[in-house]
Amino acid sequence: MNISELTFDPSKCFIGGEWVSPRKNKTISLTNPSNGQILCSISRGDEQDIDDSVQEARKAFEGVWGNQTAVARGRILMKISAQVMEKADYLAKLEAIDVGKPLKQAKADALALSRYMEFYGGAADKIHGETIPYLEGYTVYTMREAHGVTGHIVPWNYPMQIIGRSVGAALAMGNAVVLKPAEEACLTALAFAEIAQSCGLPAGALNVVPGFGEEAGAALSSHNGVDHLSFTGSVHVGSLVQSAAAKNVIPVTLELGGKSPQLVFDDADLDRALPFLINAGIQNAGQTCSASSRILIHSKVYKEVSNLMRQRYESLQVGAALNDLDVGPLISKRQKDLVNSFIRSGDDLEKLAEGQLSQNAIQDGYFVRPTLFGKVPVNHKLAQEEIFGPVQTLIPFKDEEDAIEIANGTDFGLVSSIWTTDGSRQMRLAKKINTGQVFINNYGAGGGVELPFGGVKKSGHGREKGFEALYGFSKLKTVAAFHG
């Protein structure tokens, strides 16, 4: 794809319905992770551009957008959904060259963005309050209202998906949005703004300001004109965002890291399990908060499962995003170096297998071979820390109690999966494993736009996706009327 095909200027911000240069006219070079070459220049927004955006969002919320009916909001989101679907191939190519993920994965993200807009468009007029029986002479009811201006800090690994689940829900509830995409990958965020405007979203209802986290992101987190913040990213930055927001006493939704386990028991259907065990760890080159980097295997089937996974790993092909292989590059040289340092930390462990670089993998691309380690000690760095790369660890366990202890034995609690045909065991473990989502004989449930998503412990708090996101992007008001 030629960057000249873009129908917007990536060096500009989208503020108040207009494409404008950042106040200080600074830019950031955007790199194609498949070859290490410069793609284009994007805007380097800062606190002034964020302030402009917040003011424009406030105008929209107090004006045209805030006075739209729920039905009207929903219809605009449905139009956006249709346009995203129509432009899915274009958006997928943008995401592939920007993030580095294989084209088929990028296409799935574009379709997911369309589905989020469809879901939230249909749900916009279906968030109801309730009446509460109370004292004689009173009628008491509740209603849900928009927060006002919501800030969204979106990471580089899944821009379209996370825009869909957070911005879509916020707009459906009538909030006006300021979006700060990651400086490493923001092209689809800007393309989404262009699509939304073409579908009739009023000026100021959506504003997009690319820039560095320590400049634009910090300004958005601390701005006293923002009424709610949504952040997806690292634990370290998430704690900074929450601290900044706390000074303005506003709610924050945090979706942070993960060290998600899959538990494989001796009665598991291995033919069904194998693709999930591997794909959940290598998708998007392992750069996924919910990536399954720990595979816990019952000792009775450890040898069989490890051999099956080893054989599949040895056949994995790594290459440029547009070549659409099993695994693409990491987002940056910094991330490549970080993941390689994790792999080196396992030099004293059993390295079961590595994937293969394809012949056309460009030397300057940020490629890392998917790596599988066997019999990793539960307290090892590889079994405790989030790697954010295509690295998986196999850990044997003795029985249910041992499996539960290992599964819960990290600082994280985002996603888990249980592979067993024993129905009683499924229910016992679903209760005892401490994660925000538990999948039984599957992993991820096909994306599940409708399924509430979020973590516990250092994986964050609050929920996105499904109706729970709509509740999070609204505030509850109780009205008690005395009429005698």
Protein backbone atom coordinates (compact mmCIF):
# COMPACT_ATOMS: atom_id res chain seq x y z
CA MET A 1 0.00 0.00 0.00
CA ASN A 2 1.25 3.48 -0.87
CA ILE A 3 0.84 6.03 1.89
CA SER A 4 -0.13 8.55 -0.79
CA GLU A 5 -3.47 6.72 -1.01
CA LEU A 6 -4.53 8.32 2.28
CA THR A 7 -7.49 10.68 1.94
CA PHE A 8 -6.50 12.66 5.05
CA ASP A 9 -3.30 14.40 6.11
CA PRO A 10 -1.71 12.31 8.90
CA SER A 11 0.36 15.28 10.03
CA LYS A 12 -2.81 17.00 11.26
CA CYS A 13 -5.09 16.57 14.26
CA PHE A 14 -8.86 16.24 13.93
CA ILE A 15 -10.39 18.86 16.25
CA GLY A 16 -13.87 20.35 16.18
CA GLY A 17 -14.65 18.71 12.86
CA GLU A 18 -11.58 20.23 11.15
CA TRP A 19 -8.16 18.89 10.15
CA VAL A 20 -5.75 21.27 11.85
CA SER A 21 -2.00 21.40 12.35
CA PRO A 22 -0.82 21.03 15.93
CA ARG A 23 -0.31 24.39 17.60
CA LYS A 24 3.48 24.02 17.66
CA ASN A 25 3.65 22.49 14.15
CA LYS A 26 5.68 19.54 15.42
CA THR A 27 5.55 16.06 13.92
CA ILE A 28 6.61 12.48 14.73
CA SER A 29 8.04 10.02 12.22
CA LEU A 30 5.91 6.89 11.88
CA THR A 31 7.83 3.69 11.09
CA ASN A 32 6.72 0.60 9.17
CA PRO A 33 7.72 -2.29 11.49
CA SER A 34 7.94 -4.73 8.57
CA ASN A 35 10.96 -2.95 7.08
CA GLY A 36 12.06 -0.27 9.55
CA GLN A 37 11.43 2.51 7.03
CA ILE A 38 9.61 5.78 7.65
CA LEU A 39 5.96 5.62 6.58
CA CYS A 40 4.98 9.25 7.08
CA SER A 41 4.91 12.07 9.60
CA ILE A 42 2.09 12.35 12.13
CA SER A 43 1.15 15.29 14.30
CA ARG A 44 2.81 15.77 17.66
CA GLY A 45 -0.04 17.21 19.64
CA ASP A 46 0.51 18.56 23.14
CA GLU A 47 -1.38 20.17 26.01
CA GLN A 48 -2.58 23.07 23.84
CA ASP A 49 -4.10 20.75 21.24
CA ILE A 50 -5.66 18.62 23.97
CA ASP A 51 -7.16 21.74 25.54
CA ASP A 52 -8.57 22.81 22.17
CA SER A 53 -10.09 19.34 21.77
CA VAL A 54 -11.64 19.30 25.22
CA GLN A 55 -13.21 22.69 24.60
CA GLU A 56 -14.62 21.55 21.25
CA ALA A 57 -15.93 18.37 22.85
CA ARG A 58 -17.63 20.40 25.59
CA LYS A 59 -19.31 22.58 22.97
CA ALA A 60 -20.58 19.50 21.16
CA PHE A 61 -21.83 17.89 24.37
CA GLU A 62 -23.65 21.03 25.48
CA GLY A 63 -24.89 21.66 21.94
CA VAL A 64 -25.83 19.58 18.91
CA TRP A 65 -24.45 16.22 19.97
CA GLY A 66 -25.60 16.33 23.58
CA ASN A 67 -29.12 17.18 22.47
CA GLN A 68 -29.41 14.31 20.00
CA THR A 69 -31.94 11.65 20.89
CA ALA A 70 -30.66 8.18 21.63
CA VAL A 71 -32.28 6.95 18.42
CA ALA A 72 -30.46 9.59 16.38
CA ARG A 73 -27.13 8.72 18.00
CA GLY A 74 -27.70 5.09 17.26
CA ARG A 75 -28.48 5.73 13.61
CA ILE A 76 -25.24 7.66 13.13
CA LEU A 77 -23.24 4.81 14.67
CA MET A 78 -25.00 2.34 12.39
CA LYS A 79 -23.98 4.46 9.39
CA ILE A 80 -20.41 4.46 10.65
CA SER A 81 -20.58 0.67 10.98
CA ALA A 82 -21.66 0.32 7.36
CA GLN A 83 -18.91 2.64 6.12
CA VAL A 84 -16.25 0.80 8.12
CA MET A 85 -17.48 -2.46 6.61
CA GLU A 86 -17.32 -1.00 3.11
CA LYS A 87 -13.76 0.22 3.70
CA ALA A 88 -12.59 -2.84 5.64
CA ASP A 89 -9.88 -3.79 3.12
CA TYR A 90 -8.47 -0.25 3.09
CA LEU A 91 -8.49 -0.05 6.89
CA ALA A 92 -6.90 -3.49 7.16
CA LYS A 93 -3.99 -2.47 4.94
CA LEU A 94 -3.49 0.68 7.02
CA GLU A 95 -3.46 -1.34 10.23
CA ALA A 96 -1.12 -3.95 8.76
CA ILE A 97 1.56 -1.50 7.65
CA ASP A 98 1.13 0.63 10.78
CA VAL A 99 1.09 -2.09 13.46
CA GLY A 100 2.79 -4.94 11.58
CA LYS A 101 0.11 -7.56 12.07
CA PRO A 102 -0.64 -10.03 9.25
CA LEU A 103 -3.27 -8.81 6.85
CA LYS A 104 -5.88 -11.40 7.85
CA GLN A 105 -5.62 -10.31 11.48
CA ALA A 106 -5.91 -6.64 10.50
CA LYS A 107 -8.99 -7.44 8.41
CA ALA A 108 -10.55 -9.17 11.43
CA ASP A 109 -9.93 -5.99 13.44
CA ALA A 110 -11.64 -3.83 10.82
CA LEU A 111 -14.67 -6.12 10.86
CA ALA A 112 -14.66 -6.01 14.66
CA LEU A 113 -14.71 -2.19 14.57
CA SER A 114 -17.74 -2.35 12.28
CA ARG A 115 -19.43 -4.81 14.63
CA TYR A 116 -18.78 -2.60 17.67
CA MET A 117 -20.41 0.36 15.92
CA GLU A 118 -23.33 -1.85 14.92
CA PHE A 119 -23.75 -3.24 18.44
CA TYR A 120 -23.56 0.14 20.17
CA GLY A 121 -25.67 1.79 17.50
CA GLY A 122 -28.39 -0.74 18.19
CA ALA A 123 -27.98 -0.43 21.96
CA ALA A 124 -28.02 3.38 22.19
CA ASP A 125 -31.78 3.63 22.82
CA LYS A 126 -31.99 0.52 24.98
CA ILE A 127 -30.33 1.70 28.18
CA HIS A 128 -33.24 2.09 30.58
CA GLY A 129 -33.63 3.23 34.15
CA GLU A 130 -35.91 1.58 36.69
CA THR A 131 -38.64 2.52 39.13
CA ILE A 132 -38.03 1.80 42.81
CA PRO A 133 -40.88 1.02 45.25
CA TYR A 134 -40.57 3.50 48.10
CA LEU A 135 -42.65 5.39 50.67
CA GLU A 136 -46.29 6.19 50.12
CA GLY A 137 -46.62 9.43 48.17
CA TYR A 138 -43.31 9.05 46.35
CA THR A 139 -42.39 7.97 42.86
CA VAL A 140 -38.70 7.11 42.58
CA TYR A 141 -36.88 6.27 39.39
CA THR A 142 -33.34 6.13 38.01
CA MET A 143 -31.93 7.22 34.68
CA ARG A 144 -28.56 6.95 33.00
CA GLU A 145 -26.90 10.07 31.61
CA ALA A 146 -23.68 10.73 29.72
CA HIS A 147 -20.65 11.79 31.75
CA GLY A 148 -19.96 14.65 29.35
CA VAL A 149 -16.45 14.72 27.85
CA THR A 150 -14.62 11.39 27.88
CA GLY A 151 -10.91 10.93 27.25
CA HIS A 152 -9.62 7.78 25.53
CA ILE A 153 -5.95 6.78 25.46
CA VAL A 154 -5.62 3.91 23.00
CA PRO A 155 -2.54 1.67 22.55
CA TRP A 156 -0.76 0.67 19.36
CA ASN A 157 -1.51 -3.04 19.34
CA TYR A 158 -5.25 -3.00 18.50
CA PRO A 159 -6.24 0.57 17.54
CA MET A 160 -9.45 -0.33 15.67
CA GLN A 161 -10.70 -2.87 18.19
CA ILE A 162 -10.13 -0.62 21.19
CA ILE A 163 -11.59 2.44 19.46
CA GLY A 164 -14.65 0.33 18.79
CA ARG A 165 -15.15 -0.91 22.32
CA SER A 166 -14.44 2.38 24.11
CA VAL A 167 -15.24 5.23 21.73
CA GLY A 168 -18.25 3.38 20.32
CA ALA A 169 -19.76 2.89 23.77
CA ALA A 170 -19.00 6.46 24.85
CA LEU A 171 -20.65 7.96 21.75
CA ALA A 172 -23.67 5.68 22.09
CA MET A 173 -24.30 7.12 25.56
CA GLY A 174 -24.03 10.69 24.25
CA ASN A 175 -20.56 11.59 25.47
CA ALA A 176 -18.25 13.77 23.39
CA VAL A 177 -14.85 12.16 22.88
CA VAL A 178 -11.21 13.19 22.88
CA LEU A 179 -9.09 10.34 21.53
CA LYS A 180 -5.30 10.14 21.97
CA PRO A 181 -4.01 7.25 19.83
CA ALA A 182 -0.55 5.80 20.36
CA GLU A 183 2.26 7.60 18.58
CA GLU A 184 3.49 4.25 17.18
CA ALA A 185 0.25 3.52 15.29
CA CYS A 186 -2.52 6.05 14.73
CA LEU A 187 -3.46 5.89 11.03
CA THR A 188 -6.69 3.94 11.52
CA ALA A 189 -7.73 6.28 14.35
CA LEU A 190 -7.47 9.21 11.95
CA ALA A 191 -9.21 7.24 9.19
CA PHE A 192 -12.03 6.45 11.64
CA ALA A 193 -12.47 10.18 12.36
CA GLU A 194 -12.79 10.85 8.65
CA ILE A 195 -15.40 8.09 8.29
CA ALA A 196 -17.36 9.27 11.33
CA GLN A 197 -17.52 12.83 10.00
CA SER A 198 -18.74 11.61 6.61
CA CYS A 199 -21.57 9.75 8.37
CA GLY A 200 -22.92 12.87 10.05
CA LEU A 201 -21.22 12.81 13.44
CA PRO A 202 -21.40 16.48 14.54
CA ALA A 203 -18.27 18.59 14.86
CA GLY A 204 -16.61 18.17 18.24
CA ALA A 205 -18.30 14.87 19.11
CA LEU A 206 -15.05 13.11 18.17
CA ASN A 207 -11.62 14.70 18.34
CA VAL A 208 -8.34 12.90 17.60
CA VAL A 209 -4.96 14.20 18.79
CA PRO A 210 -1.91 12.02 18.07
CA GLY A 211 1.18 12.72 20.14
CA PHE A 212 3.56 11.34 22.73
CA GLY A 213 2.12 9.85 25.89
CA GLU A 214 4.17 12.09 28.16
CA GLU A 215 2.83 15.17 26.33
CA ALA A 216 -0.64 14.69 24.84
CA GLY A 217 -1.50 11.65 26.96
CA ALA A 218 -0.45 13.29 30.21
CA ALA A 219 -2.37 16.46 29.29
CA LEU A 220 -5.54 14.50 28.62
CA SER A 221 -5.21 12.49 31.85
CA SER A 222 -4.88 15.61 33.98
CA HIS A 223 -7.27 17.95 32.16
CA ASN A 224 -9.95 19.30 34.48
CA GLY A 225 -12.46 19.48 31.64
CA VAL A 226 -12.55 15.70 31.19
CA ASP A 227 -15.31 13.80 33.02
CA HIS A 228 -14.19 10.19 32.48
CA LEU A 229 -11.02 8.48 31.26
CA SER A 230 -10.48 5.17 29.49
CA PHE A 231 -6.95 3.82 29.25
CA THR A 232 -5.56 0.62 27.77
CA GLY A 233 -1.85 -0.04 28.12
CA SER A 234 0.87 -0.92 30.60
CA VAL A 235 0.51 -1.17 34.37
CA HIS A 236 3.08 1.59 34.88
CA VAL A 237 1.40 4.13 32.61
CA GLY A 238 -2.05 3.08 33.85
CA SER A 239 -1.08 3.98 37.40
CA LEU A 240 0.13 7.39 36.19
CA VAL A 241 -3.15 7.98 34.35
CA GLN A 242 -5.18 7.02 37.40
CA SER A 243 -3.10 9.26 39.67
CA ALA A 244 -3.55 12.22 37.33
CA ALA A 245 -7.30 11.62 37.07
CA ALA A 246 -7.61 11.27 40.84
CA LYS A 247 -6.64 14.93 41.27
CA ASN A 248 -9.81 15.83 39.36
CA VAL A 249 -11.81 13.08 41.10
CA ILE A 250 -13.09 11.47 37.91
CA PRO A 251 -13.71 7.78 37.16
CA VAL A 252 -11.18 5.78 35.16
CA THR A 253 -11.51 2.51 33.26
CA LEU A 254 -8.17 0.70 33.14
CA GLU A 255 -7.39 -2.32 30.96
CA LEU A 256 -3.78 -3.19 31.65
CA GLY A 257 -1.48 -6.17 31.33
CA GLY A 258 -1.99 -9.89 31.55
CA LYS A 259 -0.26 -13.22 32.09
CA SER A 260 -3.17 -15.32 30.99
CA PRO A 261 -3.07 -19.09 31.58
CA GLN A 262 -4.69 -21.96 29.72
CA LEU A 263 -5.19 -25.07 31.86
CA VAL A 264 -5.04 -28.37 29.97
CA PHE A 265 -6.32 -31.42 31.86
CA ASP A 266 -5.75 -35.06 30.97
CA ASP A 267 -9.30 -35.42 29.59
CA ALA A 268 -9.05 -32.39 27.28
CA ASP A 269 -9.98 -32.61 23.59
CA LEU A 270 -6.48 -31.92 22.30
CA ASP A 271 -7.49 -31.72 18.64
CA ARG A 272 -9.77 -28.82 19.51
CA ALA A 273 -7.41 -27.27 22.05
CA LEU A 274 -4.19 -27.17 20.03
CA PRO A 275 -5.03 -24.24 17.68
CA PHE A 276 -6.27 -22.16 20.64
CA LEU A 277 -3.23 -22.99 22.78
CA ILE A 278 -0.89 -21.64 20.11
CA ASN A 279 -2.87 -18.90 18.37
CA ALA A 280 -3.74 -17.19 21.66
CA GLY A 281 -0.02 -16.73 22.26
CA ILE A 282 1.22 -15.70 18.82
CA GLN A 283 -1.65 -13.55 17.54
CA ASN A 284 -0.40 -10.06 16.71
CA ALA A 285 3.10 -11.40 17.48
CA GLY A 286 2.03 -11.91 21.09
CA GLN A 287 1.44 -8.17 21.52
CA THR A 288 -1.95 -8.68 23.15
CA CYS A 289 -2.95 -7.91 26.74
CA SER A 290 -4.99 -11.12 26.82
CA ALA A 291 -2.29 -13.23 25.13
CA SER A 292 -1.96 -16.68 26.62
CA SER A 293 1.72 -16.84 27.49
CA ARG A 294 1.33 -19.61 30.08
CA ILE A 295 0.13 -23.12 29.18
CA LEU A 296 -0.45 -25.20 32.30
CA ILE A 297 -0.54 -28.91 31.44
CA HIS A 298 -1.51 -31.91 33.55
CA SER A 299 1.56 -34.09 34.09
CA LYS A 300 -0.19 -37.12 32.54
CA VAL A 301 -0.46 -35.41 29.14
CA TYR A 302 2.48 -33.00 29.37
CA LYS A 303 4.69 -34.94 26.98
CA GLU A 304 1.93 -35.34 24.39
CA VAL A 305 0.84 -31.69 24.48
CA SER A 306 4.38 -30.34 24.45
CA ASN A 307 5.23 -32.48 21.41
CA LEU A 308 2.15 -31.30 19.53
CA MET A 309 2.94 -27.66 20.31
CA ARG A 310 6.61 -28.11 19.39
CA GLN A 311 5.69 -29.51 15.96
CA ARG A 312 3.34 -26.60 15.24
CA TYR A 313 5.88 -24.02 16.43
CA GLU A 314 8.53 -25.38 14.10
CA SER A 315 6.20 -24.75 11.14
CA LEU A 316 5.32 -21.15 12.04
CA GLN A 317 6.36 -18.60 9.42
CA VAL A 318 7.36 -15.03 10.32
CA GLY A 319 7.40 -12.19 7.82
CA ALA A 320 6.13 -8.82 6.62
CA ALA A 321 2.56 -7.89 7.47
CA LEU A 322 1.30 -7.73 3.89
CA ASN A 323 2.71 -11.21 3.19
CA ASP A 324 0.00 -12.47 5.56
CA LEU A 325 1.96 -15.23 7.29
CA ASP A 326 1.48 -16.68 10.79
CA VAL A 327 3.37 -13.94 12.62
CA GLY A 328 4.33 -10.38 11.67
CA PRO A 329 6.95 -8.04 13.16
CA LEU A 330 6.88 -6.42 16.56
CA ILE A 331 5.89 -2.77 16.66
CA SER A 332 9.39 -1.29 17.13
CA LYS A 333 13.07 -2.01 17.61
CA ARG A 334 12.65 -1.22 21.28
CA GLN A 335 9.96 -3.88 21.61
CA LYS A 336 12.05 -6.36 19.62
CA ASP A 337 15.01 -5.80 21.94
CA LEU A 338 12.79 -6.18 25.01
CA VAL A 339 11.29 -9.48 23.83
CA ASN A 340 14.72 -10.82 22.87
CA SER A 341 15.92 -10.01 26.39
CA PHE A 342 13.09 -12.13 27.77
CA ILE A 343 14.08 -14.98 25.47
CA ARG A 344 17.71 -14.72 26.61
CA SER A 345 16.54 -14.94 30.22
CA GLY A 346 15.44 -18.49 29.37
CA ASP A 347 18.87 -19.63 28.18
CA ASP A 348 19.07 -21.99 31.15
CA LEU A 349 15.65 -23.48 30.40
CA GLU A 350 14.45 -26.08 27.92
CA LYS A 351 13.81 -24.32 24.62
CA LEU A 352 11.43 -26.66 22.82
CA ALA A 353 11.03 -24.90 19.47
CA GLU A 354 11.28 -21.72 17.41
CA GLY A 355 9.39 -20.51 14.37
CA GLN A 356 11.10 -19.68 11.08
CA LEU A 357 11.83 -16.37 9.40
CA SER A 358 10.47 -16.43 5.86
CA GLN A 359 12.88 -15.93 3.00
CA ASN A 360 11.38 -12.52 2.20
CA ALA A 361 11.59 -11.20 5.77
CA ILE A 362 13.44 -7.90 5.45
CA GLN A 363 16.57 -7.65 7.55
CA ASP A 364 15.60 -4.29 9.04
CA GLY A 365 12.12 -5.44 10.07
CA TYR A 366 11.39 -5.96 13.77
CA PHE A 367 11.01 -9.73 13.60
CA VAL A 368 11.31 -12.20 16.47
CA ARG A 369 10.96 -15.94 16.06
CA PRO A 370 8.07 -17.37 18.12
CA THR A 371 9.71 -19.29 20.96
CA LEU A 372 8.36 -22.13 23.09
CA PHE A 373 9.90 -23.00 26.49
CA GLY A 374 9.20 -26.22 28.36
CA LYS A 375 8.90 -27.03 32.08
CA VAL A 376 9.34 -23.42 33.16
CA PRO A 377 9.53 -22.88 36.96
CA VAL A 378 6.49 -20.97 38.21
CA ASN A 379 8.63 -18.23 39.79
CA HIS A 380 10.76 -17.65 36.67
CA LYS A 381 10.61 -14.26 34.95
CA LEU A 382 9.10 -15.90 31.84
CA ALA A 383 6.25 -17.30 33.95
CA GLN A 384 5.58 -14.14 35.94
CA GLU A 385 6.09 -11.05 33.79
CA GLU A 386 4.19 -9.84 30.74
CA ILE A 387 6.42 -10.41 27.71
CA PHE A 388 4.28 -8.83 24.96
CA GLY A 389 5.90 -10.95 22.30
CA PRO A 390 5.46 -14.39 20.66
CA VAL A 391 6.83 -16.38 23.59
CA GLN A 392 4.97 -19.14 25.46
CA THR A 393 5.91 -21.15 28.52
CA LEU A 394 4.74 -24.69 29.33
CA ILE A 395 4.25 -25.48 33.01
CA PRO A 396 3.26 -28.97 34.26
CA PHE A 397 0.85 -29.38 37.19
CA LYS A 398 -0.12 -32.33 39.40
CA ASP A 399 -3.82 -31.83 40.18
CA GLU A 400 -6.63 -29.26 40.37
CA GLU A 401 -5.32 -27.54 43.47
CA ASP A 402 -1.86 -27.23 41.97
CA ALA A 403 -3.30 -25.85 38.71
CA ILE A 404 -5.38 -23.24 40.53
CA GLU A 405 -2.43 -22.10 42.64
CA ILE A 406 -0.22 -21.70 39.58
CA ALA A 407 -2.95 -19.99 37.54
CA ASN A 408 -3.59 -17.42 40.29
CA GLY A 409 0.09 -17.05 41.15
CA THR A 410 0.89 -13.83 39.26
CA ASP A 411 0.10 -10.14 39.72
CA PHE A 412 -2.34 -10.28 36.80
CA GLY A 413 -5.88 -11.52 36.26
CA LEU A 414 -7.25 -10.78 32.80
CA VAL A 415 -8.21 -13.98 30.94
CA SER A 416 -7.98 -17.72 31.52
CA SER A 417 -9.07 -20.89 29.77
CA ILE A 418 -9.95 -24.37 31.05
CA TRP A 419 -9.65 -27.43 28.82
CA THR A 420 -11.56 -30.36 30.30
CA THR A 421 -14.65 -32.42 29.47
CA ASP A 422 -15.51 -32.81 33.18
CA GLY A 423 -18.49 -30.50 33.78
CA SER A 424 -18.06 -30.40 37.55
CA ARG A 425 -14.41 -29.46 37.18
CA GLN A 426 -15.35 -26.72 34.71
CA MET A 427 -17.66 -25.11 37.27
CA ARG A 428 -15.25 -25.49 40.19
CA LEU A 429 -12.34 -23.90 38.36
CA ALA A 430 -14.41 -21.14 36.78
CA LYS A 431 -15.18 -19.97 40.32
CA LYS A 432 -11.69 -20.36 41.72
CA ILE A 433 -9.58 -18.85 38.95
CA ASN A 434 -9.18 -15.13 39.60
CA THR A 435 -9.54 -13.51 36.17
CA GLY A 436 -12.04 -11.16 34.54
CA GLN A 437 -12.92 -13.71 31.84
CA VAL A 438 -12.88 -17.50 32.00
CA PHE A 439 -13.28 -19.54 28.83
CA ILE A 440 -14.16 -23.23 28.91
CA ASN A 441 -12.95 -25.37 26.00
CA ASN A 442 -12.23 -22.25 23.94
CA TYR A 443 -10.21 -19.05 24.21
CA GLY A 444 -11.59 -15.62 23.39
CA ALA A 445 -15.00 -16.79 22.13
CA GLY A 446 -14.33 -15.31 18.71
CA GLY A 447 -13.74 -11.80 20.04
CA GLY A 448 -17.14 -11.46 21.68
CA VAL A 449 -18.18 -7.83 21.20
CA GLU A 450 -21.10 -8.59 23.51
CA LEU A 451 -18.95 -10.05 26.32
CA PRO A 452 -17.84 -7.76 29.18
CA PHE A 453 -14.04 -7.55 29.24
CA GLY A 454 -11.62 -6.37 31.89
CA GLY A 455 -9.34 -7.58 34.62
CA VAL A 456 -8.61 -7.87 38.32
CA LYS A 457 -5.45 -7.21 40.31
CA LYS A 458 -2.86 -5.42 38.13
CA SER A 459 -4.83 -6.19 34.99
CA GLY A 460 -7.02 -3.20 35.81
CA HIS A 461 -10.60 -2.42 36.73
CA GLY A 462 -13.83 -1.47 35.06
CA ARG A 463 -15.34 -3.26 32.09
CA GLU A 464 -15.52 -2.62 28.36
CA LYS A 465 -17.51 -4.43 25.65
CA GLY A 466 -21.15 -5.41 25.91
CA PHE A 467 -23.75 -3.46 27.86
CA GLU A 468 -21.35 -3.12 30.80
CA ALA A 469 -19.36 -0.59 28.78
CA LEU A 470 -22.47 1.53 28.33
CA TYR A 471 -23.03 1.54 32.08
CA GLY A 472 -19.40 2.56 32.60
CA PHE A 473 -19.68 5.44 30.14
CA SER A 474 -22.72 6.81 31.93
CA LYS A 475 -23.65 8.05 35.37
CA LEU A 476 -26.70 6.95 37.33
CA LYS A 477 -29.11 9.56 38.61
CA THR A 478 -31.87 8.85 41.15
CA VAL A 479 -35.00 11.01 41.08
CA ALA A 480 -37.37 10.93 44.06
CA ALA A 481 -40.63 12.83 43.46
CA PHE A 482 -43.04 13.51 46.33
CA HIS A 483 -46.59 14.02 45.13
CA GLY A 484 -48.62 13.22 48.21
